[in-house]
PDB file of N, CA and C in Angstrom:
ATOM      1  N   UNK A   1       0.820  -1.191   0.000  1.00  0.00           N
ATOM      2  CA  UNK A   1       0.000   0.000   0.000  1.00  0.00           C
ATOM      3  C   UNK A   1       0.865   1.257   0.000  1.00  0.00           C
ATOM      4  N   UNK A   2       1.998   1.190   0.690  1.00  0.00           N
ATOM      5  CA  UNK A   2       2.878   2.360   0.732  1.00  0.00           C
ATOM      6  C   UNK A   2       3.295   2.793  -0.668  1.00  0.00           C
ATOM      7  N   UNK A   3       3.606   1.837  -1.532  1.00  0.00           N
ATOM      8  CA  UNK A   3       4.048   2.154  -2.891  1.00  0.00           C
ATOM      9  C   UNK A   3       2.911   2.706  -3.747  1.00  0.00           C
ATOM     10  N   UNK A   4       1.670   2.340  -3.439  1.00  0.00           N
ATOM     11  CA  UNK A   4       0.519   2.742  -4.247  1.00  0.00           C
ATOM     12  C   UNK A   4      -0.272   3.901  -3.663  1.00  0.00           C
ATOM     13  N   UNK A   5       0.024   4.291  -2.455  1.00  0.00           N
ATOM     14  CA  UNK A   5      -0.804   5.233  -1.704  1.00  0.00           C
ATOM     15  C   UNK A   5      -1.172   6.477  -2.512  1.00  0.00           C
ATOM     16  N   UNK A   6      -0.220   7.093  -3.149  1.00  0.00           N
ATOM     17  CA  UNK A   6      -0.465   8.344  -3.879  1.00  0.00           C
ATOM     18  C   UNK A   6      -1.231   8.148  -5.185  1.00  0.00           C
ATOM     19  N   UNK A   7      -1.397   6.913  -5.621  1.00  0.00           N
ATOM     20  CA  UNK A   7      -2.052   6.625  -6.894  1.00  0.00           C
ATOM     21  C   UNK A   7      -3.472   6.081  -6.724  1.00  0.00           C
ATOM     22  N   UNK A   8      -3.921   5.966  -5.480  1.00  0.00           N
ATOM     23  CA  UNK A   8      -5.200   5.339  -5.185  1.00  0.00           C
ATOM     24  C   UNK A   8      -6.115   6.338  -4.479  1.00  0.00           C
ATOM     25  N   UNK A   9      -7.375   6.399  -4.930  1.00  0.00           N
ATOM     26  CA  UNK A   9      -8.356   7.259  -4.271  1.00  0.00           C
ATOM     27  C   UNK A   9      -9.267   6.467  -3.335  1.00  0.00           C
ATOM     28  N   UNK A  10      -9.666   5.266  -3.780  1.00  0.00           N
ATOM     29  CA  UNK A  10     -10.600   4.446  -3.015  1.00  0.00           C
ATOM     30  C   UNK A  10     -10.005   3.058  -2.857  1.00  0.00           C
ATOM     31  N   UNK A  11     -10.114   2.526  -1.636  1.00  0.00           N
ATOM     32  CA  UNK A  11      -9.607   1.181  -1.351  1.00  0.00           C
ATOM     33  C   UNK A  11     -10.780   0.290  -0.978  1.00  0.00           C
ATOM     34  N   UNK A  12     -10.899  -0.821  -1.693  1.00  0.00           N
ATOM     35  CA  UNK A  12     -11.882  -1.854  -1.403  1.00  0.00           C
ATOM     36  C   UNK A  12     -11.101  -3.019  -0.802  1.00  0.00           C
ATOM     37  N   UNK A  13     -11.155  -3.128   0.506  1.00  0.00           N
ATOM     38  CA  UNK A  13     -10.341  -4.102   1.225  1.00  0.00           C
ATOM     39  C   UNK A  13     -11.141  -5.364   1.528  1.00  0.00           C
ATOM     40  N   UNK A  14     -10.544  -6.520   1.278  1.00  0.00           N
ATOM     41  CA  UNK A  14     -11.167  -7.799   1.618  1.00  0.00           C
ATOM     42  C   UNK A  14     -10.584  -8.326   2.921  1.00  0.00           C
ATOM     43  N   UNK A  15     -11.450  -8.646   3.857  1.00  0.00           N
ATOM     44  CA  UNK A  15     -11.042  -9.399   5.043  1.00  0.00           C
ATOM     45  C   UNK A  15     -11.268 -10.870   4.719  1.00  0.00           C
ATOM     46  N   UNK A  16     -10.292 -11.695   5.000  1.00  0.00           N
ATOM     47  CA  UNK A  16     -10.424 -13.140   4.837  1.00  0.00           C
ATOM     48  C   UNK A  16     -10.729 -13.732   6.208  1.00  0.00           C
ATOM     49  N   UNK A  17     -11.947 -14.174   6.403  1.00  0.00           N
ATOM     50  CA  UNK A  17     -12.366 -14.716   7.692  1.00  0.00           C
ATOM     51  C   UNK A  17     -11.976 -16.181   7.809  1.00  0.00           C
ATOM     52  N   UNK A  18     -11.317 -16.561   8.903  1.00  0.00           N
ATOM     53  CA  UNK A  18     -10.904 -17.961   9.038  1.00  0.00           C
ATOM     54  C   UNK A  18     -12.070 -18.946   8.983  1.00  0.00           C
ATOM     55  N   UNK A  19     -13.207 -18.575   9.553  1.00  0.00           N
ATOM     56  CA  UNK A  19     -14.349 -19.498   9.544  1.00  0.00           C
ATOM     57  C   UNK A  19     -14.958 -19.645   8.151  1.00  0.00           C
ATOM     58  N   UNK A  20     -14.760 -18.662   7.300  1.00  0.00           N
ATOM     59  CA  UNK A  20     -15.307 -18.726   5.947  1.00  0.00           C
ATOM     60  C   UNK A  20     -14.332 -19.343   4.952  1.00  0.00           C
ATOM     61  N   UNK A  21     -13.023 -19.160   5.188  1.00  0.00           N
ATOM     62  CA  UNK A  21     -12.019 -19.622   4.221  1.00  0.00           C
ATOM     63  C   UNK A  21     -11.363 -20.938   4.602  1.00  0.00           C
ATOM     64  N   UNK A  22     -11.362 -21.249   5.903  1.00  0.00           N
ATOM     65  CA  UNK A  22     -10.630 -22.425   6.370  1.00  0.00           C
ATOM     66  C   UNK A  22      -9.143 -22.151   6.494  1.00  0.00           C
ATOM     67  N   UNK A  23      -8.737 -20.908   6.256  1.00  0.00           N
ATOM     68  CA  UNK A  23      -7.325 -20.526   6.369  1.00  0.00           C
ATOM     69  C   UNK A  23      -7.029 -20.009   7.768  1.00  0.00           C
ATOM     70  N   UNK A  24      -5.751 -19.788   8.037  1.00  0.00           N
ATOM     71  CA  UNK A  24      -5.352 -19.226   9.329  1.00  0.00           C
ATOM     72  C   UNK A  24      -5.888 -17.799   9.435  1.00  0.00           C
ATOM     73  N   UNK A  25      -6.019 -17.264  10.629  1.00  0.00           N
ATOM     74  CA  UNK A  25      -6.461 -15.870  10.779  1.00  0.00           C
ATOM     75  C   UNK A  25      -5.426 -14.889  10.210  1.00  0.00           C
ATOM     76  N   UNK A  26      -5.912 -13.846   9.574  1.00  0.00           N
ATOM     77  CA  UNK A  26      -5.067 -12.780   9.034  1.00  0.00           C
ATOM     78  C   UNK A  26      -5.334 -11.452   9.745  1.00  0.00           C
ATOM     79  N   UNK A  27      -5.734 -11.511  11.006  1.00  0.00           N
ATOM     80  CA  UNK A  27      -6.130 -10.305  11.729  1.00  0.00           C
ATOM     81  C   UNK A  27      -5.009  -9.268  11.783  1.00  0.00           C
ATOM     82  N   UNK A  28      -3.796  -9.689  12.074  1.00  0.00           N
ATOM     83  CA  UNK A  28      -2.665  -8.744  12.148  1.00  0.00           C
ATOM     84  C   UNK A  28      -2.425  -8.077  10.797  1.00  0.00           C
ATOM     85  N   UNK A  29      -2.478  -8.859   9.722  1.00  0.00           N
ATOM     86  CA  UNK A  29      -2.291  -8.306   8.385  1.00  0.00           C
ATOM     87  C   UNK A  29      -3.413  -7.318   8.032  1.00  0.00           C
ATOM     88  N   UNK A  30      -4.629  -7.661   8.399  1.00  0.00           N
ATOM     89  CA  UNK A  30      -5.757  -6.770   8.147  1.00  0.00           C
ATOM     90  C   UNK A  30      -5.579  -5.460   8.923  1.00  0.00           C
ATOM     91  N   UNK A  31      -5.159  -5.590  10.160  1.00  0.00           N
ATOM     92  CA  UNK A  31      -4.948  -4.415  11.009  1.00  0.00           C
ATOM     93  C   UNK A  31      -3.868  -3.491  10.424  1.00  0.00           C
ATOM     94  N   UNK A  32      -2.778  -4.073   9.961  1.00  0.00           N
ATOM     95  CA  UNK A  32      -1.690  -3.288   9.363  1.00  0.00           C
ATOM     96  C   UNK A  32      -2.153  -2.601   8.079  1.00  0.00           C
ATOM     97  N   UNK A  33      -2.924  -3.315   7.271  1.00  0.00           N
ATOM     98  CA  UNK A  33      -3.390  -2.731   6.019  1.00  0.00           C
ATOM     99  C   UNK A  33      -4.367  -1.597   6.290  1.00  0.00           C
ATOM    100  N   UNK A  34      -5.263  -1.772   7.263  1.00  0.00           N
ATOM    101  CA  UNK A  34      -6.176  -0.690   7.640  1.00  0.00           C
ATOM    102  C   UNK A  34      -5.388   0.560   8.019  1.00  0.00           C
ATOM    103  N   UNK A  35      -4.334   0.390   8.803  1.00  0.00           N
ATOM    104  CA  UNK A  35      -3.508   1.520   9.222  1.00  0.00           C
ATOM    105  C   UNK A  35      -2.824   2.169   8.019  1.00  0.00           C
ATOM    106  N   UNK A  36      -2.384   1.356   7.075  1.00  0.00           N
ATOM    107  CA  UNK A  36      -1.701   1.874   5.890  1.00  0.00           C
ATOM    108  C   UNK A  36      -2.646   2.654   4.982  1.00  0.00           C
ATOM    109  N   UNK A  37      -3.952   2.429   5.116  1.00  0.00           N
ATOM    110  CA  UNK A  37      -4.945   3.102   4.279  1.00  0.00           C
ATOM    111  C   UNK A  37      -5.480   4.386   4.911  1.00  0.00           C
ATOM    112  N   UNK A  38      -4.982   4.747   6.062  1.00  0.00           N
ATOM    113  CA  UNK A  38      -5.463   5.948   6.749  1.00  0.00           C
ATOM    114  C   UNK A  38      -5.372   7.154   5.809  1.00  0.00           C
ATOM    115  N   UNK A  39      -6.477   7.888   5.713  1.00  0.00           N
ATOM    116  CA  UNK A  39      -6.523   9.051   4.845  1.00  0.00           C
ATOM    117  C   UNK A  39      -7.152   8.780   3.488  1.00  0.00           C
ATOM    118  N   UNK A  40      -7.420   7.529   3.183  1.00  0.00           N
ATOM    119  CA  UNK A  40      -8.051   7.154   1.914  1.00  0.00           C
ATOM    120  C   UNK A  40      -9.524   6.825   2.148  1.00  0.00           C
ATOM    121  N   UNK A  41     -10.343   6.980   1.086  1.00  0.00           N
ATOM    122  CA  UNK A  41     -11.701   6.458   1.145  1.00  0.00           C
ATOM    123  C   UNK A  41     -11.576   4.943   1.129  1.00  0.00           C
ATOM    124  N   UNK A  42     -12.191   4.302   2.088  1.00  0.00           N
ATOM    125  CA  UNK A  42     -11.989   2.867   2.288  1.00  0.00           C
ATOM    126  C   UNK A  42     -13.292   2.212   2.688  1.00  0.00           C
ATOM    127  N   UNK A  43     -13.512   1.008   2.188  1.00  0.00           N
ATOM    128  CA  UNK A  43     -14.558   0.155   2.740  1.00  0.00           C
ATOM    129  C   UNK A  43     -14.011  -1.257   2.812  1.00  0.00           C
ATOM    130  N   UNK A  44     -14.578  -2.043   3.719  1.00  0.00           N
ATOM    131  CA  UNK A  44     -14.124  -3.409   3.953  1.00  0.00           C
ATOM    132  C   UNK A  44     -15.222  -4.365   3.530  1.00  0.00           C
ATOM    133  N   UNK A  45     -14.817  -5.416   2.798  1.00  0.00           N
ATOM    134  CA  UNK A  45     -15.750  -6.463   2.371  1.00  0.00           C
ATOM    135  C   UNK A  45     -15.370  -7.774   3.062  1.00  0.00           C
ATOM    136  N   UNK A  46     -16.384  -8.512   3.455  1.00  0.00           N
ATOM    137  CA  UNK A  46     -16.156  -9.868   3.956  1.00  0.00           C
ATOM    138  C   UNK A  46     -17.143 -10.804   3.280  1.00  0.00           C
ATOM    139  N   UNK A  47     -16.645 -11.930   2.807  1.00  0.00           N
ATOM    140  CA  UNK A  47     -17.518 -12.955   2.254  1.00  0.00           C
ATOM    141  C   UNK A  47     -18.068 -13.755   3.427  1.00  0.00           C
ATOM    142  N   UNK A  48     -19.392 -13.889   3.453  1.00  0.00           N
ATOM    143  CA  UNK A  48     -20.067 -14.626   4.521  1.00  0.00           C
ATOM    144  C   UNK A  48     -20.550 -15.953   3.953  1.00  0.00           C
ATOM    145  N   UNK A  49     -20.132 -17.038   4.588  1.00  0.00           N
ATOM    146  CA  UNK A  49     -20.585 -18.373   4.206  1.00  0.00           C
ATOM    147  C   UNK A  49     -21.463 -18.927   5.323  1.00  0.00           C
ATOM    148  N   UNK A  50     -22.006 -20.100   5.084  1.00  0.00           N
ATOM    149  CA  UNK A  50     -22.809 -20.753   6.125  1.00  0.00           C
ATOM    150  C   UNK A  50     -21.964 -21.086   7.349  1.00  0.00           C
ATOM    151  N   UNK A  51     -20.642 -21.111   7.188  1.00  0.00           N
ATOM    152  CA  UNK A  51     -19.739 -21.449   8.290  1.00  0.00           C
ATOM    153  C   UNK A  51     -19.159 -20.234   9.004  1.00  0.00           C
ATOM    154  N   UNK A  52     -19.468 -19.035   8.515  1.00  0.00           N
ATOM    155  CA  UNK A  52     -18.947 -17.828   9.140  1.00  0.00           C
ATOM    156  C   UNK A  52     -19.441 -17.734  10.575  1.00  0.00           C
ATOM    157  N   UNK A  53     -18.538 -17.409  11.473  1.00  0.00           N
ATOM    158  CA  UNK A  53     -18.912 -17.306  12.888  1.00  0.00           C
ATOM    159  C   UNK A  53     -19.179 -15.855  13.282  1.00  0.00           C
ATOM    160  N   UNK A  54     -20.018 -15.710  14.270  1.00  0.00           N
ATOM    161  CA  UNK A  54     -20.303 -14.398  14.835  1.00  0.00           C
ATOM    162  C   UNK A  54     -19.017 -13.786  15.389  1.00  0.00           C
ATOM    163  N   UNK A  55     -18.139 -14.632  15.932  1.00  0.00           N
ATOM    164  CA  UNK A  55     -16.875 -14.144  16.499  1.00  0.00           C
ATOM    165  C   UNK A  55     -15.988 -13.510  15.422  1.00  0.00           C
ATOM    166  N   UNK A  56     -15.987 -14.083  14.215  1.00  0.00           N
ATOM    167  CA  UNK A  56     -15.188 -13.499  13.133  1.00  0.00           C
ATOM    168  C   UNK A  56     -15.749 -12.143  12.707  1.00  0.00           C
ATOM    169  N   UNK A  57     -17.053 -12.020  12.685  1.00  0.00           N
ATOM    170  CA  UNK A  57     -17.659 -10.719  12.349  1.00  0.00           C
ATOM    171  C   UNK A  57     -17.363  -9.723  13.460  1.00  0.00           C
ATOM    172  N   UNK A  58     -17.452 -10.158  14.714  1.00  0.00           N
ATOM    173  CA  UNK A  58     -17.146  -9.270  15.837  1.00  0.00           C
ATOM    174  C   UNK A  58     -15.694  -8.793  15.784  1.00  0.00           C
ATOM    175  N   UNK A  59     -14.781  -9.672  15.444  1.00  0.00           N
ATOM    176  CA  UNK A  59     -13.375  -9.296  15.333  1.00  0.00           C
ATOM    177  C   UNK A  59     -13.185  -8.320  14.176  1.00  0.00           C
ATOM    178  N   UNK A  60     -13.859  -8.555  13.066  1.00  0.00           N
ATOM    179  CA  UNK A  60     -13.790  -7.645  11.928  1.00  0.00           C
ATOM    180  C   UNK A  60     -14.266  -6.253  12.332  1.00  0.00           C
ATOM    181  N   UNK A  61     -15.392  -6.199  13.009  1.00  0.00           N
ATOM    182  CA  UNK A  61     -15.951  -4.928  13.471  1.00  0.00           C
ATOM    183  C   UNK A  61     -14.972  -4.236  14.421  1.00  0.00           C
ATOM    184  N   UNK A  62     -14.376  -4.989  15.305  1.00  0.00           N
ATOM    185  CA  UNK A  62     -13.409  -4.421  16.256  1.00  0.00           C
ATOM    186  C   UNK A  62     -12.225  -3.799  15.524  1.00  0.00           C
ATOM    187  N   UNK A  63     -11.666  -4.518  14.555  1.00  0.00           N
ATOM    188  CA  UNK A  63     -10.524  -3.984  13.808  1.00  0.00           C
ATOM    189  C   UNK A  63     -10.909  -2.725  13.034  1.00  0.00           C
ATOM    190  N   UNK A  64     -12.072  -2.750  12.421  1.00  0.00           N
ATOM    191  CA  UNK A  64     -12.532  -1.590  11.652  1.00  0.00           C
ATOM    192  C   UNK A  64     -12.714  -0.388  12.566  1.00  0.00           C
ATOM    193  N   UNK A  65     -13.415  -0.563  13.665  1.00  0.00           N
ATOM    194  CA  UNK A  65     -13.687   0.572  14.551  1.00  0.00           C
ATOM    195  C   UNK A  65     -12.425   1.067  15.241  1.00  0.00           C
ATOM    196  N   UNK A  66     -11.466   0.183  15.489  1.00  0.00           N
ATOM    197  CA  UNK A  66     -10.192   0.634  16.050  1.00  0.00           C
ATOM    198  C   UNK A  66      -9.455   1.547  15.071  1.00  0.00           C
ATOM    199  N   UNK A  67      -9.628   1.287  13.784  1.00  0.00           N
ATOM    200  CA  UNK A  67      -8.997   2.118  12.756  1.00  0.00           C
ATOM    201  C   UNK A  67      -9.807   3.390  12.528  1.00  0.00           C
ATOM    202  N   UNK A  68     -11.134   3.228  12.314  1.00  0.00           N
ATOM    203  CA  UNK A  68     -12.013   4.369  12.028  1.00  0.00           C
ATOM    204  C   UNK A  68     -13.445   3.851  11.959  1.00  0.00           C
ATOM    205  N   UNK A  69     -14.257   4.243  12.912  1.00  0.00           N
ATOM    206  CA  UNK A  69     -15.634   3.738  13.000  1.00  0.00           C
ATOM    207  C   UNK A  69     -16.499   4.143  11.816  1.00  0.00           C
ATOM    208  N   UNK A  70     -16.026   5.070  10.986  1.00  0.00           N
ATOM    209  CA  UNK A  70     -16.827   5.484   9.831  1.00  0.00           C
ATOM    210  C   UNK A  70     -16.559   4.635   8.587  1.00  0.00           C
ATOM    211  N   UNK A  71     -15.661   3.670   8.682  1.00  0.00           N
ATOM    212  CA  UNK A  71     -15.383   2.788   7.540  1.00  0.00           C
ATOM    213  C   UNK A  71     -16.581   1.861   7.322  1.00  0.00           C
ATOM    214  N   UNK A  72     -17.169   1.887   6.127  1.00  0.00           N
ATOM    215  CA  UNK A  72     -18.301   0.996   5.851  1.00  0.00           C
ATOM    216  C   UNK A  72     -17.860  -0.476   5.771  1.00  0.00           C
ATOM    217  N   UNK A  73     -18.787  -1.350   6.141  1.00  0.00           N
ATOM    218  CA  UNK A  73     -18.572  -2.795   6.062  1.00  0.00           C
ATOM    219  C   UNK A  73     -19.589  -3.377   5.094  1.00  0.00           C
ATOM    220  N   UNK A  74     -19.115  -4.197   4.157  1.00  0.00           N
ATOM    221  CA  UNK A  74     -19.983  -4.870   3.195  1.00  0.00           C
ATOM    222  C   UNK A  74     -19.922  -6.368   3.461  1.00  0.00           C
ATOM    223  N   UNK A  75     -21.066  -6.953   3.754  1.00  0.00           N
ATOM    224  CA  UNK A  75     -21.175  -8.400   3.916  1.00  0.00           C
ATOM    225  C   UNK A  75     -21.605  -8.975   2.571  1.00  0.00           C
ATOM    226  N   UNK A  76     -20.797  -9.886   2.036  1.00  0.00           N
ATOM    227  CA  UNK A  76     -21.083 -10.476   0.728  1.00  0.00           C
ATOM    228  C   UNK A  76     -21.404 -11.954   0.902  1.00  0.00           C
ATOM    229  N   UNK A  77     -22.666 -12.333   0.748  1.00  0.00           N
ATOM    230  CA  UNK A  77     -23.022 -13.745   0.914  1.00  0.00           C
ATOM    231  C   UNK A  77     -22.444 -14.607  -0.201  1.00  0.00           C
ATOM    232  N   UNK A  78     -21.859 -15.721   0.195  1.00  0.00           N
ATOM    233  CA  UNK A  78     -21.392 -16.717  -0.773  1.00  0.00           C
ATOM    234  C   UNK A  78     -22.616 -17.365  -1.405  1.00  0.00           C
ATOM    235  N   UNK A  79     -22.395 -18.008  -2.523  1.00  0.00           N
ATOM    236  CA  UNK A  79     -23.498 -18.676  -3.203  1.00  0.00           C
ATOM    237  C   UNK A  79     -23.364 -20.184  -3.137  1.00  0.00           C
ATOM    238  N   UNK A  80     -24.311 -20.852  -3.749  1.00  0.00           N
ATOM    239  CA  UNK A  80     -24.274 -22.307  -3.853  1.00  0.00           C
ATOM    240  C   UNK A  80     -24.304 -23.009  -2.513  1.00  0.00           C
ATOM    241  N   UNK A  81     -23.520 -24.062  -2.410  1.00  0.00           N
ATOM    242  CA  UNK A  81     -23.487 -24.883  -1.198  1.00  0.00           C
ATOM    243  C   UNK A  81     -22.966 -24.128   0.018  1.00  0.00           C
ATOM    244  N   UNK A  82     -22.271 -23.014  -0.211  1.00  0.00           N
ATOM    245  CA  UNK A  82     -21.695 -22.236   0.892  1.00  0.00           C
ATOM    246  C   UNK A  82     -22.577 -21.080   1.332  1.00  0.00           C
ATOM    247  N   UNK A  83     -23.710 -20.887   0.678  1.00  0.00           N
ATOM    248  CA  UNK A  83     -24.579 -19.751   0.959  1.00  0.00           C
ATOM    249  C   UNK A  83     -25.084 -19.763   2.402  1.00  0.00           C
ATOM    250  N   UNK A  84     -25.012 -18.614   3.055  1.00  0.00           N
ATOM    251  CA  UNK A  84     -25.569 -18.523   4.405  1.00  0.00           C
ATOM    252  C   UNK A  84     -27.076 -18.339   4.343  1.00  0.00           C
ATOM    253  N   UNK A  85     -27.746 -18.694   5.411  1.00  0.00           N
ATOM    254  CA  UNK A  85     -29.189 -18.460   5.500  1.00  0.00           C
ATOM    255  C   UNK A  85     -29.437 -16.955   5.598  1.00  0.00           C
ATOM    256  N   UNK A  86     -30.561 -16.524   5.047  1.00  0.00           N
ATOM    257  CA  UNK A  86     -30.910 -15.109   5.098  1.00  0.00           C
ATOM    258  C   UNK A  86     -30.974 -14.611   6.536  1.00  0.00           C
ATOM    259  N   UNK A  87     -31.546 -15.386   7.416  1.00  0.00           N
ATOM    260  CA  UNK A  87     -31.652 -14.991   8.828  1.00  0.00           C
ATOM    261  C   UNK A  87     -30.268 -14.771   9.443  1.00  0.00           C
ATOM    262  N   UNK A  88     -29.308 -15.588   9.054  1.00  0.00           N
ATOM    263  CA  UNK A  88     -27.944 -15.432   9.561  1.00  0.00           C
ATOM    264  C   UNK A  88     -27.346 -14.108   9.090  1.00  0.00           C
ATOM    265  N   UNK A  89     -27.540 -13.792   7.804  1.00  0.00           N
ATOM    266  CA  UNK A  89     -27.039 -12.528   7.255  1.00  0.00           C
ATOM    267  C   UNK A  89     -27.632 -11.334   7.986  1.00  0.00           C
ATOM    268  N   UNK A  90     -28.928 -11.359   8.205  1.00  0.00           N
ATOM    269  CA  UNK A  90     -29.609 -10.269   8.896  1.00  0.00           C
ATOM    270  C   UNK A  90     -29.086 -10.133  10.326  1.00  0.00           C
ATOM    271  N   UNK A  91     -28.891 -11.255  10.987  1.00  0.00           N
ATOM    272  CA  UNK A  91     -28.372 -11.238  12.353  1.00  0.00           C
ATOM    273  C   UNK A  91     -26.960 -10.637  12.399  1.00  0.00           C
ATOM    274  N   UNK A  92     -26.093 -11.057  11.472  1.00  0.00           N
ATOM    275  CA  UNK A  92     -24.731 -10.531  11.447  1.00  0.00           C
ATOM    276  C   UNK A  92     -24.732  -9.045  11.105  1.00  0.00           C
ATOM    277  N   UNK A  93     -25.578  -8.648  10.164  1.00  0.00           N
ATOM    278  CA  UNK A  93     -25.665  -7.234   9.809  1.00  0.00           C
ATOM    279  C   UNK A  93     -26.149  -6.408  11.001  1.00  0.00           C
ATOM    280  N   UNK A  94     -27.198  -6.873  11.666  1.00  0.00           N
ATOM    281  CA  UNK A  94     -27.729  -6.142  12.817  1.00  0.00           C
ATOM    282  C   UNK A  94     -26.704  -6.017  13.937  1.00  0.00           C
ATOM    283  N   UNK A  95     -25.947  -7.064  14.147  1.00  0.00           N
ATOM    284  CA  UNK A  95     -24.916  -7.007  15.186  1.00  0.00           C
ATOM    285  C   UNK A  95     -23.848  -5.972  14.829  1.00  0.00           C
ATOM    286  N   UNK A  96     -23.404  -5.995  13.583  1.00  0.00           N
ATOM    287  CA  UNK A  96     -22.375  -5.037  13.152  1.00  0.00           C
ATOM    288  C   UNK A  96     -22.914  -3.607  13.186  1.00  0.00           C
ATOM    289  N   UNK A  97     -24.202  -3.419  12.870  1.00  0.00           N
ATOM    290  CA  UNK A  97     -24.808  -2.087  12.871  1.00  0.00           C
ATOM    291  C   UNK A  97     -24.869  -1.466  14.262  1.00  0.00           C
ATOM    292  N   UNK A  98     -24.705  -2.264  15.285  1.00  0.00           N
ATOM    293  CA  UNK A  98     -24.672  -1.710  16.643  1.00  0.00           C
ATOM    294  C   UNK A  98     -23.421  -0.878  16.877  1.00  0.00           C
ATOM    295  N   UNK A  99     -22.402  -1.090  16.023  1.00  0.00           N
ATOM    296  CA  UNK A  99     -21.118  -0.400  16.200  1.00  0.00           C
ATOM    297  C   UNK A  99     -20.731   0.428  14.971  1.00  0.00           C
ATOM    298  N   UNK A 100     -21.024  -0.084  13.792  1.00  0.00           N
ATOM    299  CA  UNK A 100     -20.670   0.590  12.538  1.00  0.00           C
ATOM    300  C   UNK A 100     -21.964   1.107  11.901  1.00  0.00           C
ATOM    301  N   UNK A 101     -21.975   2.381  11.523  1.00  0.00           N
ATOM    302  CA  UNK A 101     -23.199   3.002  11.006  1.00  0.00           C
ATOM    303  C   UNK A 101     -23.592   2.513   9.619  1.00  0.00           C
ATOM    304  N   UNK A 102     -22.622   2.082   8.819  1.00  0.00           N
ATOM    305  CA  UNK A 102     -22.899   1.693   7.433  1.00  0.00           C
ATOM    306  C   UNK A 102     -22.465   0.244   7.215  1.00  0.00           C
ATOM    307  N   UNK A 103     -23.428  -0.663   7.298  1.00  0.00           N
ATOM    308  CA  UNK A 103     -23.180  -2.087   7.063  1.00  0.00           C
ATOM    309  C   UNK A 103     -24.188  -2.549   6.027  1.00  0.00           C
ATOM    310  N   UNK A 104     -23.685  -2.991   4.891  1.00  0.00           N
ATOM    311  CA  UNK A 104     -24.548  -3.378   3.776  1.00  0.00           C
ATOM    312  C   UNK A 104     -24.373  -4.854   3.445  1.00  0.00           C
ATOM    313  N   UNK A 105     -25.425  -5.447   2.933  1.00  0.00           N
ATOM    314  CA  UNK A 105     -25.362  -6.799   2.387  1.00  0.00           C
ATOM    315  C   UNK A 105     -25.477  -6.645   0.881  1.00  0.00           C
ATOM    316  N   UNK A 106     -24.404  -6.991   0.175  1.00  0.00           N
ATOM    317  CA  UNK A 106     -24.353  -6.840  -1.275  1.00  0.00           C
ATOM    318  C   UNK A 106     -23.800  -8.142  -1.862  1.00  0.00           C
ATOM    319  N   UNK A 107     -24.473  -8.714  -2.851  1.00  0.00           N
ATOM    320  CA  UNK A 107     -23.966  -9.960  -3.445  1.00  0.00           C
ATOM    321  C   UNK A 107     -22.629  -9.746  -4.144  1.00  0.00           C
ATOM    322  N   UNK A 108     -21.918 -10.827  -4.344  1.00  0.00           N
ATOM    323  CA  UNK A 108     -20.657 -10.789  -5.076  1.00  0.00           C
ATOM    324  C   UNK A 108     -20.985 -10.611  -6.557  1.00  0.00           C
ATOM    325  N   UNK A 109     -20.875  -9.396  -7.048  1.00  0.00           N
ATOM    326  CA  UNK A 109     -21.272  -9.078  -8.421  1.00  0.00           C
ATOM    327  C   UNK A 109     -20.505  -9.897  -9.453  1.00  0.00           C
ATOM    328  N   UNK A 110     -19.219 -10.131  -9.208  1.00  0.00           N
ATOM    329  CA  UNK A 110     -18.429 -10.894 -10.196  1.00  0.00           C
ATOM    330  C   UNK A 110     -18.972 -12.306 -10.373  1.00  0.00           C
ATOM    331  N   UNK A 111     -19.544 -12.872  -9.318  1.00  0.00           N
ATOM    332  CA  UNK A 111     -20.136 -14.220  -9.437  1.00  0.00           C
ATOM    333  C   UNK A 111     -21.415 -14.166 -10.282  1.00  0.00           C
ATOM    334  N   UNK A 112     -22.221 -13.135 -10.074  1.00  0.00           N
ATOM    335  CA  UNK A 112     -23.462 -12.986 -10.834  1.00  0.00           C
ATOM    336  C   UNK A 112     -23.152 -12.782 -12.311  1.00  0.00           C
ATOM    337  N   UNK A 113     -22.077 -12.036 -12.596  1.00  0.00           N
ATOM    338  CA  UNK A 113     -21.709 -11.745 -13.972  1.00  0.00           C
ATOM    339  C   UNK A 113     -20.883 -12.853 -14.630  1.00  0.00           C
ATOM    340  N   UNK A 114     -20.546 -13.885 -13.854  1.00  0.00           N
ATOM    341  CA  UNK A 114     -19.783 -15.000 -14.392  1.00  0.00           C
ATOM    342  C   UNK A 114     -18.313 -14.688 -14.599  1.00  0.00           C
ATOM    343  N   UNK A 115     -17.796 -13.746 -13.824  1.00  0.00           N
ATOM    344  CA  UNK A 115     -16.376 -13.378 -13.912  1.00  0.00           C
ATOM    345  C   UNK A 115     -15.640 -14.101 -12.789  1.00  0.00           C
ATOM    346  N   UNK A 116     -14.603 -14.882 -13.121  1.00  0.00           N
ATOM    347  CA  UNK A 116     -13.901 -15.637 -12.064  1.00  0.00           C
ATOM    348  C   UNK A 116     -13.211 -14.771 -11.036  1.00  0.00           C
TER     349      UNK A 116
END
């Protein structure tokens, strides 16, 4: 980000949630990147699967608000066999809205458009 900072106006940051990806947590990396984006228009996206935990969303919210509580959060439901239940999405959104003013549920447009 340091090398690109002066060339970027808006940052669309992806958080990789361990419960959704099956990978190790990247919380420290996410925290460092949030700090590196200070001063830029930024929003954070997280893909929500049926396996996403409330704890991962809570940690995401904590990292975002520690950086800047005005950073919007976008919850992107996975599709197919990994799709979360609508009630789960609403619950996660409502929980995040208790701390972050702008939390949206937006589908993964590239999947709808058939772009890998």
